[in-house]
Amino acid sequence: MSTTEKPIRQSVSLPARLARRVRTLAKNRKTSTNRVLVELIETGIESKEEEKTRFFELADQLSTTSDPAERKRIKEILSRMTFGE
């Protein structure tokens, strides 16, 4: 989170088990639970954006390759990304 951005107060309910894990992380890092939550959310958003980018890169590769084995491999990867294992 940029220090120039004005923070917005947001109420979030967490399951008890998850809240304990966040508090433990904060305690181990000697920081606030708020900072831990912000970092986890930022990391999660970045991860989703990277996954989306990777998906479109593979889709582009699928449309440009003519090798049947490569097409099959890419289709399997895209299928796992979309539907899971």
PDB file of N, CA and C in Angstrom:
ATOM      1  N   MET A   1       0.851  -1.175   0.000  1.00  0.00           N
ATOM      2  CA  MET A   1       0.000   0.000   0.000  1.00  0.00           C
ATOM      3  C   MET A   1       0.896   1.237   0.000  1.00  0.00           C
ATOM      4  N   SER A   2       0.607   2.129  -0.911  1.00  0.00           N
ATOM      5  CA  SER A   2       1.383   3.356  -1.003  1.00  0.00           C
ATOM      6  C   SER A   2       1.084   4.261   0.188  1.00  0.00           C
ATOM      7  N   THR A   3       2.097   4.941   0.695  1.00  0.00           N
ATOM      8  CA  THR A   3       1.907   5.820   1.846  1.00  0.00           C
ATOM      9  C   THR A   3       1.155   7.085   1.475  1.00  0.00           C
ATOM     10  N   THR A   4       1.061   7.406   0.175  1.00  0.00           N
ATOM     11  CA  THR A   4       0.351   8.607  -0.244  1.00  0.00           C
ATOM     12  C   THR A   4      -1.142   8.355  -0.427  1.00  0.00           C
ATOM     13  N   GLU A   5      -1.547   7.105  -0.522  1.00  0.00           N
ATOM     14  CA  GLU A   5      -2.958   6.788  -0.666  1.00  0.00           C
ATOM     15  C   GLU A   5      -3.672   6.951   0.666  1.00  0.00           C
ATOM     16  N   LYS A   6      -4.871   7.473   0.593  1.00  0.00           N
ATOM     17  CA  LYS A   6      -5.661   7.615   1.800  1.00  0.00           C
ATOM     18  C   LYS A   6      -6.288   6.257   2.119  1.00  0.00           C
ATOM     19  N   PRO A   7      -6.022   5.733   3.308  1.00  0.00           N
ATOM     20  CA  PRO A   7      -6.588   4.429   3.651  1.00  0.00           C
ATOM     21  C   PRO A   7      -8.113   4.502   3.779  1.00  0.00           C
ATOM     22  N   ILE A   8      -8.751   3.433   3.401  1.00  0.00           N
ATOM     23  CA  ILE A   8     -10.200   3.327   3.528  1.00  0.00           C
ATOM     24  C   ILE A   8     -10.495   2.244   4.557  1.00  0.00           C
ATOM     25  N   ARG A   9     -11.295   2.586   5.524  1.00  0.00           N
ATOM     26  CA  ARG A   9     -11.647   1.635   6.572  1.00  0.00           C
ATOM     27  C   ARG A   9     -12.610   0.609   5.991  1.00  0.00           C
ATOM     28  N   GLN A  10     -12.296  -0.669   6.211  1.00  0.00           N
ATOM     29  CA  GLN A  10     -13.103  -1.755   5.677  1.00  0.00           C
ATOM     30  C   GLN A  10     -13.268  -2.807   6.755  1.00  0.00           C
ATOM     31  N   SER A  11     -14.483  -3.212   6.988  1.00  0.00           N
ATOM     32  CA  SER A  11     -14.746  -4.248   7.974  1.00  0.00           C
ATOM     33  C   SER A  11     -14.778  -5.604   7.276  1.00  0.00           C
ATOM     34  N   VAL A  12     -14.037  -6.560   7.827  1.00  0.00           N
ATOM     35  CA  VAL A  12     -13.970  -7.897   7.245  1.00  0.00           C
ATOM     36  C   VAL A  12     -14.141  -8.912   8.362  1.00  0.00           C
ATOM     37  N   SER A  13     -15.000  -9.887   8.130  1.00  0.00           N
ATOM     38  CA  SER A  13     -15.166 -10.967   9.097  1.00  0.00           C
ATOM     39  C   SER A  13     -14.331 -12.152   8.642  1.00  0.00           C
ATOM     40  N   LEU A  14     -13.520 -12.668   9.543  1.00  0.00           N
ATOM     41  CA  LEU A  14     -12.667 -13.814   9.237  1.00  0.00           C
ATOM     42  C   LEU A  14     -13.094 -15.003  10.082  1.00  0.00           C
ATOM     43  N   PRO A  15     -13.005 -16.193   9.525  1.00  0.00           N
ATOM     44  CA  PRO A  15     -13.230 -17.375  10.356  1.00  0.00           C
ATOM     45  C   PRO A  15     -12.193 -17.393  11.486  1.00  0.00           C
ATOM     46  N   ALA A  16     -12.571 -17.919  12.637  1.00  0.00           N
ATOM     47  CA  ALA A  16     -11.707 -17.891  13.823  1.00  0.00           C
ATOM     48  C   ALA A  16     -10.333 -18.495  13.539  1.00  0.00           C
ATOM     49  N   ARG A  17     -10.287 -19.605  12.837  1.00  0.00           N
ATOM     50  CA  ARG A  17      -9.008 -20.268  12.548  1.00  0.00           C
ATOM     51  C   ARG A  17      -8.094 -19.369  11.716  1.00  0.00           C
ATOM     52  N   LEU A  18      -8.666 -18.709  10.736  1.00  0.00           N
ATOM     53  CA  LEU A  18      -7.886 -17.817   9.885  1.00  0.00           C
ATOM     54  C   LEU A  18      -7.421 -16.588  10.662  1.00  0.00           C
ATOM     55  N   ALA A  19      -8.286 -16.050  11.510  1.00  0.00           N
ATOM     56  CA  ALA A  19      -7.924 -14.884  12.329  1.00  0.00           C
ATOM     57  C   ALA A  19      -6.757 -15.224  13.255  1.00  0.00           C
ATOM     58  N   ARG A  20      -6.758 -16.429  13.821  1.00  0.00           N
ATOM     59  CA  ARG A  20      -5.639 -16.862  14.682  1.00  0.00           C
ATOM     60  C   ARG A  20      -4.340 -16.926  13.887  1.00  0.00           C
ATOM     61  N   ARG A  21      -4.427 -17.447  12.671  1.00  0.00           N
ATOM     62  CA  ARG A  21      -3.224 -17.542  11.834  1.00  0.00           C
ATOM     63  C   ARG A  21      -2.688 -16.157  11.494  1.00  0.00           C
ATOM     64  N   VAL A  22      -3.590 -15.210  11.210  1.00  0.00           N
ATOM     65  CA  VAL A  22      -3.166 -13.839  10.896  1.00  0.00           C
ATOM     66  C   VAL A  22      -2.508 -13.207  12.119  1.00  0.00           C
ATOM     67  N   ARG A  23      -3.115 -13.387  13.286  1.00  0.00           N
ATOM     68  CA  ARG A  23      -2.525 -12.825  14.513  1.00  0.00           C
ATOM     69  C   ARG A  23      -1.160 -13.437  14.792  1.00  0.00           C
ATOM     70  N   THR A  24      -1.029 -14.735  14.562  1.00  0.00           N
ATOM     71  CA  THR A  24       0.262 -15.405  14.772  1.00  0.00           C
ATOM     72  C   THR A  24       1.315 -14.848  13.819  1.00  0.00           C
ATOM     73  N   LEU A  25       0.955 -14.670  12.543  1.00  0.00           N
ATOM     74  CA  LEU A  25       1.886 -14.081  11.580  1.00  0.00           C
ATOM     75  C   LEU A  25       2.314 -12.683  12.019  1.00  0.00           C
ATOM     76  N   ALA A  26       1.354 -11.898  12.448  1.00  0.00           N
ATOM     77  CA  ALA A  26       1.653 -10.534  12.885  1.00  0.00           C
ATOM     78  C   ALA A  26       2.600 -10.540  14.077  1.00  0.00           C
ATOM     79  N   LYS A  27       2.325 -11.425  15.013  1.00  0.00           N
ATOM     80  CA  LYS A  27       3.169 -11.507  16.210  1.00  0.00           C
ATOM     81  C   LYS A  27       4.590 -11.928  15.828  1.00  0.00           C
ATOM     82  N   ASN A  28       4.713 -12.931  14.968  1.00  0.00           N
ATOM     83  CA  ASN A  28       6.037 -13.411  14.546  1.00  0.00           C
ATOM     84  C   ASN A  28       6.805 -12.355  13.767  1.00  0.00           C
ATOM     85  N   ARG A  29       6.110 -11.546  13.002  1.00  0.00           N
ATOM     86  CA  ARG A  29       6.756 -10.485  12.210  1.00  0.00           C
ATOM     87  C   ARG A  29       6.893  -9.175  12.995  1.00  0.00           C
ATOM     88  N   LYS A  30       6.315  -9.170  14.176  1.00  0.00           N
ATOM     89  CA  LYS A  30       6.315  -7.974  15.025  1.00  0.00           C
ATOM     90  C   LYS A  30       5.705  -6.782  14.279  1.00  0.00           C
ATOM     91  N   THR A  31       4.517  -7.024  13.742  1.00  0.00           N
ATOM     92  CA  THR A  31       3.772  -6.000  13.031  1.00  0.00           C
ATOM     93  C   THR A  31       2.296  -6.128  13.382  1.00  0.00           C
ATOM     94  N   SER A  32       1.476  -5.289  12.809  1.00  0.00           N
ATOM     95  CA  SER A  32       0.047  -5.319  13.125  1.00  0.00           C
ATOM     96  C   SER A  32      -0.687  -6.344  12.259  1.00  0.00           C
ATOM     97  N   THR A  33      -1.822  -6.780  12.761  1.00  0.00           N
ATOM     98  CA  THR A  33      -2.647  -7.696  11.973  1.00  0.00           C
ATOM     99  C   THR A  33      -3.127  -6.989  10.700  1.00  0.00           C
ATOM    100  N   ASN A  34      -3.370  -5.703  10.789  1.00  0.00           N
ATOM    101  CA  ASN A  34      -3.789  -4.945   9.618  1.00  0.00           C
ATOM    102  C   ASN A  34      -2.724  -5.016   8.521  1.00  0.00           C
ATOM    103  N   ARG A  35      -1.459  -4.812   8.875  1.00  0.00           N
ATOM    104  CA  ARG A  35      -0.365  -4.852   7.903  1.00  0.00           C
ATOM    105  C   ARG A  35      -0.281  -6.237   7.275  1.00  0.00           C
ATOM    106  N   VAL A  36      -0.433  -7.286   8.084  1.00  0.00           N
ATOM    107  CA  VAL A  36      -0.392  -8.658   7.563  1.00  0.00           C
ATOM    108  C   VAL A  36      -1.532  -8.869   6.573  1.00  0.00           C
ATOM    109  N   LEU A  37      -2.729  -8.429   6.923  1.00  0.00           N
ATOM    110  CA  LEU A  37      -3.870  -8.586   6.024  1.00  0.00           C
ATOM    111  C   LEU A  37      -3.655  -7.843   4.708  1.00  0.00           C
ATOM    112  N   VAL A  38      -3.139  -6.624   4.776  1.00  0.00           N
ATOM    113  CA  VAL A  38      -2.880  -5.845   3.565  1.00  0.00           C
ATOM    114  C   VAL A  38      -1.866  -6.573   2.682  1.00  0.00           C
ATOM    115  N   GLU A  39      -0.790  -7.076   3.287  1.00  0.00           N
ATOM    116  CA  GLU A  39       0.232  -7.791   2.514  1.00  0.00           C
ATOM    117  C   GLU A  39      -0.334  -9.054   1.876  1.00  0.00           C
ATOM    118  N   LEU A  40      -1.140  -9.796   2.628  1.00  0.00           N
ATOM    119  CA  LEU A  40      -1.733 -11.023   2.090  1.00  0.00           C
ATOM    120  C   LEU A  40      -2.687 -10.715   0.939  1.00  0.00           C
ATOM    121  N   ILE A  41      -3.466  -9.676   1.080  1.00  0.00           N
ATOM    122  CA  ILE A  41      -4.399  -9.296   0.017  1.00  0.00           C
ATOM    123  C   ILE A  41      -3.630  -8.837  -1.226  1.00  0.00           C
ATOM    124  N   GLU A  42      -2.605  -8.000  -1.031  1.00  0.00           N
ATOM    125  CA  GLU A  42      -1.802  -7.544  -2.170  1.00  0.00           C
ATOM    126  C   GLU A  42      -1.146  -8.727  -2.885  1.00  0.00           C
ATOM    127  N   THR A  43      -0.603  -9.663  -2.120  1.00  0.00           N
ATOM    128  CA  THR A  43       0.035 -10.837  -2.704  1.00  0.00           C
ATOM    129  C   THR A  43      -0.968 -11.678  -3.470  1.00  0.00           C
ATOM    130  N   GLY A  44      -2.156 -11.847  -2.906  1.00  0.00           N
ATOM    131  CA  GLY A  44      -3.200 -12.627  -3.578  1.00  0.00           C
ATOM    132  C   GLY A  44      -3.647 -11.996  -4.880  1.00  0.00           C
ATOM    133  N   ILE A  45      -3.816 -10.692  -4.888  1.00  0.00           N
ATOM    134  CA  ILE A  45      -4.227  -9.982  -6.104  1.00  0.00           C
ATOM    135  C   ILE A  45      -3.142 -10.091  -7.172  1.00  0.00           C
ATOM    136  N   GLU A  46      -1.887  -9.890  -6.777  1.00  0.00           N
ATOM    137  CA  GLU A  46      -0.775 -10.021  -7.731  1.00  0.00           C
ATOM    138  C   GLU A  46      -0.718 -11.429  -8.308  1.00  0.00           C
ATOM    139  N   SER A  47      -0.926 -12.422  -7.468  1.00  0.00           N
ATOM    140  CA  SER A  47      -0.905 -13.810  -7.914  1.00  0.00           C
ATOM    141  C   SER A  47      -2.001 -14.079  -8.938  1.00  0.00           C
ATOM    142  N   LYS A  48      -3.196 -13.579  -8.682  1.00  0.00           N
ATOM    143  CA  LYS A  48      -4.303 -13.762  -9.620  1.00  0.00           C
ATOM    144  C   LYS A  48      -4.020 -13.065 -10.948  1.00  0.00           C
ATOM    145  N   GLU A  49      -3.417 -11.878 -10.894  1.00  0.00           N
ATOM    146  CA  GLU A  49      -3.084 -11.152 -12.121  1.00  0.00           C
ATOM    147  C   GLU A  49      -2.026 -11.907 -12.925  1.00  0.00           C
ATOM    148  N   GLU A  50      -1.030 -12.469 -12.234  1.00  0.00           N
ATOM    149  CA  GLU A  50       0.002 -13.252 -12.913  1.00  0.00           C
ATOM    150  C   GLU A  50      -0.591 -14.510 -13.540  1.00  0.00           C
ATOM    151  N   GLU A  51      -1.517 -15.152 -12.830  1.00  0.00           N
ATOM    152  CA  GLU A  51      -2.178 -16.346 -13.355  1.00  0.00           C
ATOM    153  C   GLU A  51      -2.975 -16.006 -14.614  1.00  0.00           C
ATOM    154  N   LYS A  52      -3.664 -14.882 -14.600  1.00  0.00           N
ATOM    155  CA  LYS A  52      -4.440 -14.442 -15.761  1.00  0.00           C
ATOM    156  C   LYS A  52      -3.519 -14.161 -16.943  1.00  0.00           C
ATOM    157  N   THR A  53      -2.403 -13.478 -16.690  1.00  0.00           N
ATOM    158  CA  THR A  53      -1.432 -13.188 -17.741  1.00  0.00           C
ATOM    159  C   THR A  53      -0.892 -14.478 -18.339  1.00  0.00           C
ATOM    160  N   ARG A  54      -0.542 -15.423 -17.483  1.00  0.00           N
ATOM    161  CA  ARG A  54      -0.021 -16.715 -17.937  1.00  0.00           C
ATOM    162  C   ARG A  54      -1.055 -17.446 -18.793  1.00  0.00           C
ATOM    163  N   PHE A  55      -2.317 -17.399 -18.372  1.00  0.00           N
ATOM    164  CA  PHE A  55      -3.388 -18.051 -19.116  1.00  0.00           C
ATOM    165  C   PHE A  55      -3.468 -17.486 -20.537  1.00  0.00           C
ATOM    166  N   PHE A  56      -3.451 -16.161 -20.665  1.00  0.00           N
ATOM    167  CA  PHE A  56      -3.554 -15.547 -21.991  1.00  0.00           C
ATOM    168  C   PHE A  56      -2.305 -15.790 -22.831  1.00  0.00           C
ATOM    169  N   GLU A  57      -1.139 -15.866 -22.197  1.00  0.00           N
ATOM    170  CA  GLU A  57       0.073 -16.211 -22.939  1.00  0.00           C
ATOM    171  C   GLU A  57      -0.042 -17.612 -23.531  1.00  0.00           C
ATOM    172  N   LEU A  58      -0.538 -18.547 -22.716  1.00  0.00           N
ATOM    173  CA  LEU A  58      -0.716 -19.914 -23.206  1.00  0.00           C
ATOM    174  C   LEU A  58      -1.770 -19.980 -24.307  1.00  0.00           C
ATOM    175  N   ALA A  59      -2.846 -19.226 -24.155  1.00  0.00           N
ATOM    176  CA  ALA A  59      -3.884 -19.197 -25.188  1.00  0.00           C
ATOM    177  C   ALA A  59      -3.309 -18.672 -26.508  1.00  0.00           C
ATOM    178  N   ASP A  60      -2.465 -17.658 -26.430  1.00  0.00           N
ATOM    179  CA  ASP A  60      -1.812 -17.143 -27.632  1.00  0.00           C
ATOM    180  C   ASP A  60      -0.900 -18.194 -28.251  1.00  0.00           C
ATOM    181  N   GLN A  61      -0.144 -18.896 -27.426  1.00  0.00           N
ATOM    182  CA  GLN A  61       0.728 -19.962 -27.930  1.00  0.00           C
ATOM    183  C   GLN A  61      -0.094 -21.043 -28.613  1.00  0.00           C
ATOM    184  N   LEU A  62      -1.239 -21.388 -28.017  1.00  0.00           N
ATOM    185  CA  LEU A  62      -2.102 -22.416 -28.585  1.00  0.00           C
ATOM    186  C   LEU A  62      -2.581 -22.004 -29.967  1.00  0.00           C
ATOM    187  N   SER A  63      -2.907 -20.739 -30.126  1.00  0.00           N
ATOM    188  CA  SER A  63      -3.428 -20.281 -31.420  1.00  0.00           C
ATOM    189  C   SER A  63      -2.339 -20.171 -32.488  1.00  0.00           C
ATOM    190  N   THR A  64      -1.077 -20.068 -32.076  1.00  0.00           N
ATOM    191  CA  THR A  64      -0.015 -19.890 -33.066  1.00  0.00           C
ATOM    192  C   THR A  64       0.756 -21.169 -33.394  1.00  0.00           C
ATOM    193  N   THR A  65       0.696 -22.165 -32.512  1.00  0.00           N
ATOM    194  CA  THR A  65       1.478 -23.378 -32.769  1.00  0.00           C
ATOM    195  C   THR A  65       0.721 -24.331 -33.695  1.00  0.00           C
ATOM    196  N   SER A  66       1.493 -25.038 -34.498  1.00  0.00           N
ATOM    197  CA  SER A  66       0.889 -26.029 -35.396  1.00  0.00           C
ATOM    198  C   SER A  66       1.295 -27.444 -35.008  1.00  0.00           C
ATOM    199  N   ASP A  67       2.172 -27.567 -34.042  1.00  0.00           N
ATOM    200  CA  ASP A  67       2.640 -28.878 -33.580  1.00  0.00           C
ATOM    201  C   ASP A  67       1.541 -29.541 -32.732  1.00  0.00           C
ATOM    202  N   PRO A  68       1.029 -30.700 -33.166  1.00  0.00           N
ATOM    203  CA  PRO A  68      -0.067 -31.357 -32.434  1.00  0.00           C
ATOM    204  C   PRO A  68       0.296 -31.715 -30.985  1.00  0.00           C
ATOM    205  N   ALA A  69       1.518 -32.148 -30.752  1.00  0.00           N
ATOM    206  CA  ALA A  69       1.934 -32.505 -29.396  1.00  0.00           C
ATOM    207  C   ALA A  69       1.967 -31.264 -28.497  1.00  0.00           C
ATOM    208  N   GLU A  70       2.464 -30.165 -29.034  1.00  0.00           N
ATOM    209  CA  GLU A  70       2.520 -28.914 -28.276  1.00  0.00           C
ATOM    210  C   GLU A  70       1.111 -28.400 -28.000  1.00  0.00           C
ATOM    211  N   ARG A  71       0.228 -28.497 -28.997  1.00  0.00           N
ATOM    212  CA  ARG A  71      -1.164 -28.065 -28.805  1.00  0.00           C
ATOM    213  C   ARG A  71      -1.821 -28.882 -27.693  1.00  0.00           C
ATOM    214  N   LYS A  72      -1.583 -30.176 -27.683  1.00  0.00           N
ATOM    215  CA  LYS A  72      -2.170 -31.048 -26.655  1.00  0.00           C
ATOM    216  C   LYS A  72      -1.639 -30.655 -25.271  1.00  0.00           C
ATOM    217  N   ARG A  73      -0.333 -30.425 -25.180  1.00  0.00           N
ATOM    218  CA  ARG A  73       0.285 -30.046 -23.907  1.00  0.00           C
ATOM    219  C   ARG A  73      -0.305 -28.731 -23.385  1.00  0.00           C
ATOM    220  N   ILE A  74      -0.439 -27.755 -24.265  1.00  0.00           N
ATOM    221  CA  ILE A  74      -0.980 -26.456 -23.861  1.00  0.00           C
ATOM    222  C   ILE A  74      -2.446 -26.593 -23.448  1.00  0.00           C
ATOM    223  N   LYS A  75      -3.208 -27.384 -24.189  1.00  0.00           N
ATOM    224  CA  LYS A  75      -4.615 -27.606 -23.834  1.00  0.00           C
ATOM    225  C   LYS A  75      -4.742 -28.224 -22.448  1.00  0.00           C
ATOM    226  N   GLU A  76      -3.860 -29.171 -22.132  1.00  0.00           N
ATOM    227  CA  GLU A  76      -3.899 -29.797 -20.813  1.00  0.00           C
ATOM    228  C   GLU A  76      -3.583 -28.792 -19.706  1.00  0.00           C
ATOM    229  N   ILE A  77      -2.602 -27.937 -19.936  1.00  0.00           N
ATOM    230  CA  ILE A  77      -2.262 -26.909 -18.959  1.00  0.00           C
ATOM    231  C   ILE A  77      -3.433 -25.949 -18.753  1.00  0.00           C
ATOM    232  N   LEU A  78      -4.026 -25.490 -19.863  1.00  0.00           N
ATOM    233  CA  LEU A  78      -5.153 -24.578 -19.770  1.00  0.00           C
ATOM    234  C   LEU A  78      -6.341 -25.233 -19.071  1.00  0.00           C
ATOM    235  N   SER A  79      -6.535 -26.494 -19.332  1.00  0.00           N
ATOM    236  CA  SER A  79      -7.627 -27.230 -18.685  1.00  0.00           C
ATOM    237  C   SER A  79      -7.408 -27.296 -17.171  1.00  0.00           C
ATOM    238  N   ARG A  80      -6.180 -27.589 -16.755  1.00  0.00           N
ATOM    239  CA  ARG A  80      -5.879 -27.627 -15.310  1.00  0.00           C
ATOM    240  C   ARG A  80      -6.041 -26.252 -14.680  1.00  0.00           C
ATOM    241  N   MET A  81      -5.629 -25.220 -15.402  1.00  0.00           N
ATOM    242  CA  MET A  81      -5.769 -23.865 -14.874  1.00  0.00           C
ATOM    243  C   MET A  81      -7.247 -23.485 -14.715  1.00  0.00           C
ATOM    244  N   THR A  82      -8.072 -23.966 -15.631  1.00  0.00           N
ATOM    245  CA  THR A  82      -9.484 -23.602 -15.616  1.00  0.00           C
ATOM    246  C   THR A  82     -10.299 -24.455 -14.657  1.00  0.00           C
ATOM    247  N   PHE A  83     -10.074 -25.768 -14.689  1.00  0.00           N
ATOM    248  CA  PHE A  83     -10.925 -26.695 -13.948  1.00  0.00           C
ATOM    249  C   PHE A  83     -10.233 -27.346 -12.761  1.00  0.00           C
ATOM    250  N   GLY A  84      -8.950 -27.132 -12.590  1.00  0.00           N
ATOM    251  CA  GLY A  84      -8.204 -27.769 -11.508  1.00  0.00           C
ATOM    252  C   GLY A  84      -7.773 -29.169 -11.884  1.00  0.00           C
ATOM    253  N   GLU A  85      -7.120 -29.826 -10.991  1.00  0.00           N
ATOM    254  CA  GLU A  85      -6.585 -31.177 -11.265  1.00  0.00           C
ATOM    255  C   GLU A  85      -7.676 -32.212 -11.187  1.00  0.00           C
TER     256      GLU A  85
END
